[in-house]
Amino acid sequence: MKKTPLWFVFSVGTLLAFQAQGQYLPVSASKTSLITTGVNIEEGDVFVWGFRGSAQQGNGQTVVASHAAPTKINSLSNIVALAGGAYHLLALDSSGNVSGWGQSGYGETGCKPNSGIYTHTPCTVLSHVVQISAGEYFSMALDREGRVWTWGHNLYGQLGNGGNKNSQEPVHVHLNGERARLIGGAYEGAFAVTVEGHVWAWGDNEASGLGFQGTKYGVQQIVRTPTLVANLTPYAKQIVYIGGGNGWGEALLNDGTVIGWGLHAALGQGTTSTALSSPVPVEILRNVTQLYARYVGSIALSEEGKVYTWGQTGGSAFKMIYGERPTLRLTAAPVLEVGGGKEHVFYKTVDGRFFGVGYNDLYKLDTSKCCAPNIDWPGVQIRY
């Protein structure tokens, strides 16, 4: 990958590197919410490893053994971004085409299943797209005209079309006539930042995770159409990344400041209590160049190439990965990119090595061992 200066455009589940000359370049620290599958881009090719029992391998087979070597998806090339939910994947190529594959019980791949509920070969879902993102079982795309598209699960209003029916076909999300410039998925919700200087949100608003007053944590409040997030209007024109998890959201501003709203236990505010939440944004960290928010916590890369994490600490590897406050983590070398999945972290060092940390089930991180213990920092190097 070229080591030229880059301007980063972020969304949950995806990272695009955009040169000043206007050309998208591949980057390698994939950002998905996949549970037991590893996936990455290298020189425009997509490699998959770990659990591949839900058609994640994308080469025409519904089931590939978890212990099989990391394998390239043959039909995809010139890929610049990946996004994914629990068991499905999206890829965006340099021409603006979006492909989907994997589990598609709710239509989340955007493709007709080949076998049961599984799409084992990527199909083209949309064209003229500049950004992709995903929640757990739904998908998002932003096209060149500033239109937002969603597909997949809609029980909690994730598609933003006012209904509750799932959709395999992309649905156009209307933002009161405004044009989006940035999108981001959360656990069961979504965000869009518009050219006009507003943030819109829809889906599950428990713990005020969409940025306006909601219910307490654990009690869903379903918002089926895009709603203006007034608390974020003062920040909207500064936002370069937006996303979130279960009951909370975060944004990275163009001055390197991270702000968040919703469940304080996920926002690095020094508490583990799930009784504390607010729609009012709080400042979390400064001097950040990359942010990845997913499920219960976040990963940030500082201007000095250092990795910080924060979030809820209950679960498989959460104490190891997250923390009550932003925590500096030991890495193998200065870091170029950060990413991860539902309970794990990926990072790429400036010398080109790729590491995994966290919950290590089904060869997801250590590609030589099944069901090994959780992997602590600085992690294990992943080779493919």
Protein backbone atom coordinates (compact mmCIF):
# COMPACT_ATOMS: atom_id res chain seq x y z
CA MET A 1 0.00 0.00 0.00
CA LYS A 2 1.28 3.46 -0.83
CA LYS A 3 2.60 5.47 2.11
CA THR A 4 1.33 8.81 0.76
CA PRO A 5 -0.56 11.26 3.00
CA LEU A 6 -4.22 10.31 3.22
CA TRP A 7 -7.49 11.95 4.19
CA PHE A 8 -9.75 9.38 5.84
CA VAL A 9 -13.50 9.06 5.39
CA PHE A 10 -15.01 6.79 8.01
CA SER A 11 -18.10 4.74 8.65
CA VAL A 12 -18.89 1.83 10.92
CA GLY A 13 -17.54 -1.23 9.24
CA THR A 14 -15.54 0.64 6.65
CA LEU A 15 -12.55 2.85 6.06
CA LEU A 16 -11.74 4.57 2.80
CA ALA A 17 -8.43 6.25 2.16
CA PHE A 18 -8.81 9.20 -0.16
CA GLN A 19 -5.82 10.95 -1.73
CA ALA A 20 -5.90 14.66 -2.50
CA GLN A 21 -5.81 13.74 -6.19
CA GLY A 22 -9.22 12.13 -5.77
CA GLN A 23 -8.39 8.42 -5.97
CA TYR A 24 -9.63 5.86 -3.44
CA LEU A 25 -6.92 3.51 -2.19
CA PRO A 26 -7.26 0.14 -0.41
CA VAL A 27 -6.60 0.05 3.32
CA SER A 28 -6.20 -3.03 5.48
CA ALA A 29 -7.56 -2.80 9.04
CA SER A 30 -11.11 -3.96 8.35
CA LYS A 31 -13.94 -2.62 10.48
CA THR A 32 -16.84 -5.02 10.80
CA SER A 33 -19.08 -6.43 13.51
CA LEU A 34 -18.33 -10.02 12.51
CA ILE A 35 -18.37 -12.37 15.49
CA THR A 36 -16.01 -15.25 14.66
CA THR A 37 -14.74 -14.40 11.18
CA GLY A 38 -11.61 -12.52 10.15
CA VAL A 39 -11.54 -10.46 6.96
CA ASN A 40 -9.13 -7.98 5.42
CA ILE A 41 -8.15 -6.14 2.26
CA GLU A 42 -4.66 -6.46 0.84
CA GLU A 43 -3.77 -4.71 -2.41
CA GLY A 44 -7.43 -4.65 -3.41
CA ASP A 45 -8.04 -8.35 -2.72
CA VAL A 46 -10.28 -9.65 0.08
CA PHE A 47 -9.04 -12.45 2.36
CA VAL A 48 -11.30 -14.37 4.78
CA TRP A 49 -10.40 -16.71 7.64
CA GLY A 50 -11.89 -18.22 10.81
CA PHE A 51 -15.55 -19.24 10.89
CA ARG A 52 -16.92 -19.63 7.36
CA GLY A 53 -20.02 -21.72 7.98
CA SER A 54 -22.47 -19.05 6.80
CA ALA A 55 -21.09 -18.53 3.28
CA GLN A 56 -18.58 -15.88 4.37
CA GLN A 57 -15.82 -17.28 2.14
CA GLY A 58 -17.69 -16.10 -0.95
CA ASN A 59 -16.26 -18.65 -3.39
CA GLY A 60 -19.42 -20.62 -4.08
CA GLN A 61 -19.45 -22.78 -0.94
CA THR A 62 -21.87 -22.35 1.96
CA VAL A 63 -19.52 -24.05 4.44
CA VAL A 64 -15.72 -23.86 4.57
CA ALA A 65 -13.88 -25.35 7.56
CA SER A 66 -12.71 -22.81 10.14
CA HIS A 67 -9.24 -24.32 10.23
CA ALA A 68 -8.76 -23.84 6.46
CA ALA A 69 -6.08 -21.33 5.54
CA PRO A 70 -7.05 -17.70 4.97
CA THR A 71 -8.38 -17.59 1.43
CA LYS A 72 -8.92 -14.89 -1.17
CA ILE A 73 -12.37 -14.27 -2.66
CA ASN A 74 -11.79 -14.99 -6.34
CA SER A 75 -14.55 -12.85 -7.83
CA LEU A 76 -13.63 -9.60 -6.06
CA SER A 77 -10.84 -7.18 -7.00
CA ASN A 78 -9.95 -3.51 -6.61
CA ILE A 79 -11.76 -3.45 -3.27
CA VAL A 80 -11.36 -0.25 -1.24
CA ALA A 81 -13.66 -0.92 1.73
CA LEU A 82 -15.33 -3.70 3.68
CA ALA A 83 -18.30 -3.64 6.03
CA GLY A 84 -20.07 -6.43 7.82
CA GLY A 85 -22.66 -7.41 10.37
CA ALA A 86 -22.79 -10.51 12.53
CA TYR A 87 -22.47 -12.97 9.62
CA HIS A 88 -22.73 -10.99 6.39
CA LEU A 89 -20.24 -8.92 4.40
CA LEU A 90 -20.20 -6.00 1.97
CA ALA A 91 -17.37 -4.85 -0.28
CA LEU A 92 -16.98 -1.58 -2.18
CA ASP A 93 -14.72 -1.48 -5.24
CA SER A 94 -12.87 1.44 -6.78
CA SER A 95 -15.61 1.90 -9.41
CA GLY A 96 -18.32 2.38 -6.77
CA ASN A 97 -19.91 -1.08 -6.96
CA VAL A 98 -21.18 -2.71 -3.75
CA SER A 99 -21.18 -6.51 -3.43
CA GLY A 100 -22.81 -8.59 -0.68
CA TRP A 101 -22.49 -12.18 0.54
CA GLY A 102 -22.82 -14.41 3.63
CA GLN A 103 -25.86 -15.02 5.81
CA SER A 104 -28.96 -13.28 4.47
CA GLY A 105 -31.95 -14.39 6.52
CA TYR A 106 -33.22 -10.80 6.64
CA GLY A 107 -31.97 -9.75 3.19
CA GLU A 108 -28.86 -8.12 4.69
CA THR A 109 -26.55 -9.15 1.83
CA GLY A 110 -28.84 -7.47 -0.71
CA CYS A 111 -28.56 -10.64 -2.81
CA LYS A 112 -30.86 -13.57 -3.48
CA PRO A 113 -29.65 -16.51 -1.37
CA ASN A 114 -28.04 -19.41 -3.23
CA SER A 115 -28.74 -22.02 -0.54
CA GLY A 116 -31.33 -21.61 2.20
CA ILE A 117 -30.65 -18.21 3.78
CA TYR A 118 -27.05 -18.01 2.51
CA THR A 119 -25.48 -16.08 -0.35
CA HIS A 120 -22.28 -17.98 -1.12
CA THR A 121 -21.16 -15.88 -4.10
CA PRO A 122 -20.98 -12.06 -4.01
CA CYS A 123 -23.50 -10.24 -6.18
CA THR A 124 -23.62 -6.56 -7.12
CA VAL A 125 -26.16 -4.72 -4.94
CA LEU A 126 -25.66 -1.06 -5.95
CA SER A 127 -23.44 1.10 -8.14
CA HIS A 128 -22.18 4.70 -7.93
CA VAL A 129 -21.52 4.29 -4.19
CA VAL A 130 -18.89 6.18 -2.17
CA GLN A 131 -19.38 4.67 1.31
CA ILE A 132 -20.73 1.51 2.94
CA SER A 133 -21.63 0.59 6.51
CA ALA A 134 -23.52 -2.06 8.45
CA GLY A 135 -25.32 -2.84 11.69
CA GLU A 136 -25.74 -6.33 13.06
CA TYR A 137 -28.22 -7.57 10.43
CA PHE A 138 -28.70 -4.65 8.07
CA SER A 139 -26.61 -2.72 5.56
CA MET A 140 -26.16 0.88 4.41
CA ALA A 141 -24.69 2.69 1.40
CA LEU A 142 -24.18 6.31 0.39
CA ASP A 143 -24.18 7.11 -3.31
CA ARG A 144 -22.52 9.90 -5.29
CA GLU A 145 -25.72 11.95 -5.28
CA GLY A 146 -25.87 12.05 -1.49
CA ARG A 147 -28.66 9.47 -1.26
CA VAL A 148 -28.72 6.93 1.59
CA TRP A 149 -29.77 3.33 0.96
CA THR A 150 -30.55 0.58 3.48
CA TRP A 151 -31.48 -3.10 3.28
CA GLY A 152 -31.89 -6.11 5.58
CA HIS A 153 -33.46 -6.33 9.03
CA ASN A 154 -36.14 -3.76 9.90
CA LEU A 155 -37.77 -4.95 13.12
CA TYR A 156 -36.29 -2.00 15.02
CA GLY A 157 -36.64 0.59 12.28
CA GLN A 158 -33.10 0.10 10.95
CA LEU A 159 -34.13 0.77 7.35
CA GLY A 160 -35.58 4.18 8.18
CA ASN A 161 -38.56 3.86 5.83
CA GLY A 162 -41.35 4.01 8.40
CA GLY A 163 -42.17 0.32 8.18
CA ASN A 164 -41.13 -2.87 9.92
CA LYS A 165 -40.72 -5.29 7.00
CA ASN A 166 -37.30 -6.59 6.09
CA SER A 167 -36.03 -5.86 2.60
CA GLN A 168 -33.57 -7.60 0.30
CA GLU A 169 -33.84 -4.65 -2.08
CA PRO A 170 -32.13 -1.34 -1.16
CA VAL A 171 -34.54 1.20 0.33
CA HIS A 172 -34.06 4.93 -0.24
CA VAL A 173 -33.94 6.80 3.10
CA HIS A 174 -35.42 10.30 2.87
CA LEU A 175 -33.65 13.01 4.92
CA ASN A 176 -36.16 15.83 4.59
CA GLY A 177 -34.75 16.75 1.19
CA GLU A 178 -31.14 16.97 2.41
CA ARG A 179 -28.07 15.29 0.87
CA ALA A 180 -25.89 13.03 3.00
CA ARG A 181 -22.10 13.24 2.99
CA LEU A 182 -21.42 10.59 5.67
CA ILE A 183 -23.20 7.53 7.07
CA GLY A 184 -22.68 5.19 10.01
CA GLY A 185 -24.42 2.14 11.41
CA ALA A 186 -24.87 1.27 15.07
CA TYR A 187 -26.04 -1.97 16.70
CA GLU A 188 -29.67 -1.59 15.61
CA GLY A 189 -29.66 2.01 14.42
CA ALA A 190 -28.12 4.36 11.89
CA PHE A 191 -26.83 7.89 11.36
CA ALA A 192 -26.48 10.22 8.38
CA VAL A 193 -24.63 13.56 8.32
CA THR A 194 -25.81 15.95 5.62
CA VAL A 195 -24.18 18.59 3.46
CA GLU A 196 -26.68 21.05 4.91
CA GLY A 197 -25.15 20.62 8.38
CA HIS A 198 -27.46 18.23 10.21
CA VAL A 199 -27.32 14.74 11.71
CA TRP A 200 -30.28 12.40 11.24
CA ALA A 201 -30.77 9.12 13.13
CA TRP A 202 -33.20 6.21 13.19
CA GLY A 203 -33.57 2.71 14.69
CA ASP A 204 -33.35 1.73 18.36
CA ASN A 205 -32.96 4.72 20.73
CA GLU A 206 -32.51 2.89 24.03
CA ALA A 207 -30.27 4.80 26.46
CA SER A 208 -30.60 7.82 24.10
CA GLY A 209 -28.10 6.15 21.78
CA LEU A 210 -29.39 8.03 18.72
CA GLY A 211 -28.59 11.37 20.33
CA PHE A 212 -32.02 12.49 21.52
CA GLN A 213 -33.96 11.57 24.66
CA GLY A 214 -34.77 7.86 24.75
CA THR A 215 -35.55 5.07 27.17
CA LYS A 216 -33.27 3.55 29.78
CA TYR A 217 -30.67 0.96 28.76
CA GLY A 218 -32.25 -2.40 27.96
CA VAL A 219 -35.62 -0.91 27.01
CA GLN A 220 -35.99 -0.37 23.29
CA GLN A 221 -37.48 2.79 21.79
CA ILE A 222 -38.07 2.29 18.10
CA VAL A 223 -37.70 5.28 15.77
CA ARG A 224 -38.78 4.25 12.27
CA THR A 225 -38.02 7.39 10.28
CA PRO A 226 -34.96 9.71 10.24
CA THR A 227 -35.15 12.20 13.11
CA LEU A 228 -33.08 15.36 13.43
CA VAL A 229 -30.48 15.11 16.21
CA ALA A 230 -30.49 18.70 17.47
CA ASN A 231 -27.76 17.99 20.04
CA LEU A 232 -25.32 17.28 17.19
CA THR A 233 -26.15 20.25 14.97
CA PRO A 234 -23.31 22.37 16.47
CA TYR A 235 -20.84 19.62 15.50
CA ALA A 236 -22.30 18.41 12.19
CA LYS A 237 -19.99 20.25 9.81
CA GLN A 238 -16.95 19.02 11.75
CA ILE A 239 -17.86 15.32 11.82
CA VAL A 240 -15.60 13.01 9.77
CA TYR A 241 -16.77 9.73 11.33
CA ILE A 242 -20.03 8.69 13.00
CA GLY A 243 -21.16 5.36 14.37
CA GLY A 244 -22.12 3.56 17.52
CA GLY A 245 -23.07 0.42 19.37
CA ASN A 246 -25.77 -0.88 21.66
CA GLY A 247 -27.33 2.23 23.24
CA TRP A 248 -24.68 4.79 22.37
CA GLY A 249 -23.06 6.73 19.53
CA GLU A 250 -19.81 8.55 18.80
CA ALA A 251 -18.32 10.97 16.31
CA LEU A 252 -14.80 12.02 15.38
CA LEU A 253 -14.42 15.71 14.60
CA ASN A 254 -11.99 17.19 12.08
CA ASP A 255 -9.85 18.63 14.89
CA GLY A 256 -9.22 15.14 16.33
CA THR A 257 -11.79 15.32 19.15
CA VAL A 258 -14.01 12.31 19.90
CA ILE A 259 -17.47 12.99 21.31
CA GLY A 260 -20.13 10.51 22.39
CA TRP A 261 -23.71 10.26 23.65
CA GLY A 262 -25.99 7.66 25.17
CA LEU A 263 -24.77 4.96 27.58
CA HIS A 264 -21.92 6.40 29.68
CA ALA A 265 -20.50 2.94 30.46
CA ALA A 266 -19.62 2.63 26.75
CA LEU A 267 -18.21 6.16 26.44
CA GLY A 268 -15.15 5.98 28.68
CA GLN A 269 -16.72 8.13 31.39
CA GLY A 270 -15.30 6.20 34.35
CA THR A 271 -18.37 4.12 35.15
CA THR A 272 -19.65 0.59 34.62
CA SER A 273 -23.22 1.49 35.58
CA THR A 274 -25.79 0.98 32.82
CA ALA A 275 -28.16 3.30 34.67
CA LEU A 276 -26.23 6.36 33.49
CA SER A 277 -27.06 7.69 30.02
CA SER A 278 -27.72 11.03 28.35
CA PRO A 279 -28.40 12.38 24.85
CA VAL A 280 -26.03 15.30 25.55
CA PRO A 281 -22.62 14.79 23.88
CA VAL A 282 -19.55 14.43 26.12
CA GLU A 283 -15.90 14.77 25.13
CA ILE A 284 -13.98 11.48 25.26
CA LEU A 285 -10.50 11.97 23.76
CA ARG A 286 -8.43 14.39 21.68
CA ASN A 287 -5.68 14.13 19.04
CA VAL A 288 -7.36 11.16 17.32
CA THR A 289 -6.88 10.36 13.63
CA GLN A 290 -9.01 7.19 13.35
CA LEU A 291 -12.00 5.95 15.34
CA TYR A 292 -13.87 2.66 15.26
CA ALA A 293 -17.07 2.28 17.34
CA ARG A 294 -18.81 -1.10 17.58
CA TYR A 295 -21.15 -3.02 19.89
CA VAL A 296 -19.93 -2.12 23.43
CA GLY A 297 -16.75 -0.09 22.90
CA SER A 298 -14.33 1.86 20.76
CA ILE A 299 -10.81 1.85 19.34
CA ALA A 300 -8.94 5.06 18.55
CA LEU A 301 -5.61 5.79 16.88
CA SER A 302 -3.73 8.87 18.03
CA GLU A 303 -1.63 11.25 15.98
CA GLU A 304 1.47 9.51 17.41
CA GLY A 305 0.39 6.06 16.18
CA LYS A 306 -0.79 4.91 19.63
CA VAL A 307 -3.94 2.87 20.27
CA TYR A 308 -6.52 3.75 22.95
CA THR A 309 -9.64 1.76 23.79
CA TRP A 310 -12.67 2.23 26.06
CA GLY A 311 -16.11 0.73 26.63
CA GLN A 312 -18.09 -1.81 28.64
CA THR A 313 -16.03 -4.51 30.32
CA GLY A 314 -18.37 -7.47 30.78
CA GLY A 315 -18.18 -10.39 28.33
CA SER A 316 -15.81 -12.65 26.45
CA ALA A 317 -12.77 -10.39 26.06
CA PHE A 318 -14.17 -7.02 27.04
CA LYS A 319 -11.95 -6.40 30.08
CA MET A 320 -8.95 -7.09 27.90
CA ILE A 321 -10.16 -4.91 25.05
CA TYR A 322 -12.04 -2.04 26.65
CA GLY A 323 -12.00 0.01 29.89
CA GLU A 324 -13.87 2.51 32.04
CA ARG A 325 -11.74 5.33 30.60
CA PRO A 326 -9.65 5.68 27.42
CA THR A 327 -6.74 3.29 27.99
CA LEU A 328 -3.38 3.30 26.20
CA ARG A 329 -2.65 -0.18 24.83
CA LEU A 330 0.66 -1.93 24.18
CA THR A 331 1.19 -2.56 20.47
CA ALA A 332 3.99 -4.32 18.59
CA ALA A 333 5.07 -1.09 16.83
CA PRO A 334 3.61 2.31 15.97
CA VAL A 335 0.21 1.77 14.35
CA LEU A 336 -1.02 2.88 10.92
CA GLU A 337 -4.64 1.63 11.02
CA VAL A 338 -7.12 0.24 13.54
CA GLY A 339 -10.23 -1.88 13.16
CA GLY A 340 -11.89 -4.96 14.57
CA GLY A 341 -15.12 -6.85 15.05
CA LYS A 342 -17.65 -7.62 17.74
CA GLU A 343 -15.23 -8.76 20.45
CA HIS A 344 -11.80 -8.32 18.87
CA VAL A 345 -9.36 -5.70 17.64
CA PHE A 346 -7.24 -5.58 14.50
CA TYR A 347 -4.37 -3.17 13.92
CA LYS A 348 -1.77 -2.69 11.22
CA THR A 349 1.68 -1.36 12.10
CA VAL A 350 3.66 1.17 10.10
CA ASP A 351 6.00 -1.65 9.00
CA GLY A 352 3.09 -3.53 7.40
CA ARG A 353 2.37 -6.23 10.00
CA PHE A 354 -1.21 -7.14 10.95
CA PHE A 355 -2.22 -8.11 14.52
CA GLY A 356 -5.31 -9.36 16.34
CA VAL A 357 -6.32 -8.99 20.01
CA GLY A 358 -9.27 -10.29 22.01
CA TYR A 359 -11.80 -13.12 21.75
CA ASN A 360 -10.08 -15.89 19.80
CA ASP A 361 -12.73 -18.44 18.84
CA LEU A 362 -12.54 -20.59 15.68
CA TYR A 363 -9.13 -19.44 14.35
CA LYS A 364 -10.34 -15.84 14.13
CA LEU A 365 -7.11 -14.35 15.50
CA ASP A 366 -4.62 -17.18 15.88
CA THR A 367 -4.93 -18.92 12.51
CA SER A 368 -2.91 -21.91 13.80
CA LYS A 369 -5.06 -22.79 16.85
CA CYS A 370 -8.73 -23.42 17.43
CA CYS A 371 -10.46 -22.17 20.54
CA ALA A 372 -7.26 -20.86 22.11
CA PRO A 373 -7.49 -18.51 25.11
CA ASN A 374 -8.28 -14.85 24.54
CA ILE A 375 -5.26 -13.01 23.15
CA ASP A 376 -3.92 -10.08 25.16
CA TRP A 377 -2.03 -7.04 23.90
CA PRO A 378 0.16 -6.62 21.87
CA GLY A 379 -1.70 -9.48 20.14
CA VAL A 380 -0.81 -12.17 17.67
CA GLN A 381 0.43 -11.53 14.16
CA ILE A 382 -1.98 -12.71 11.47
CA ARG A 383 -0.51 -14.00 8.24
CA TYR A 384 -2.46 -14.79 5.08
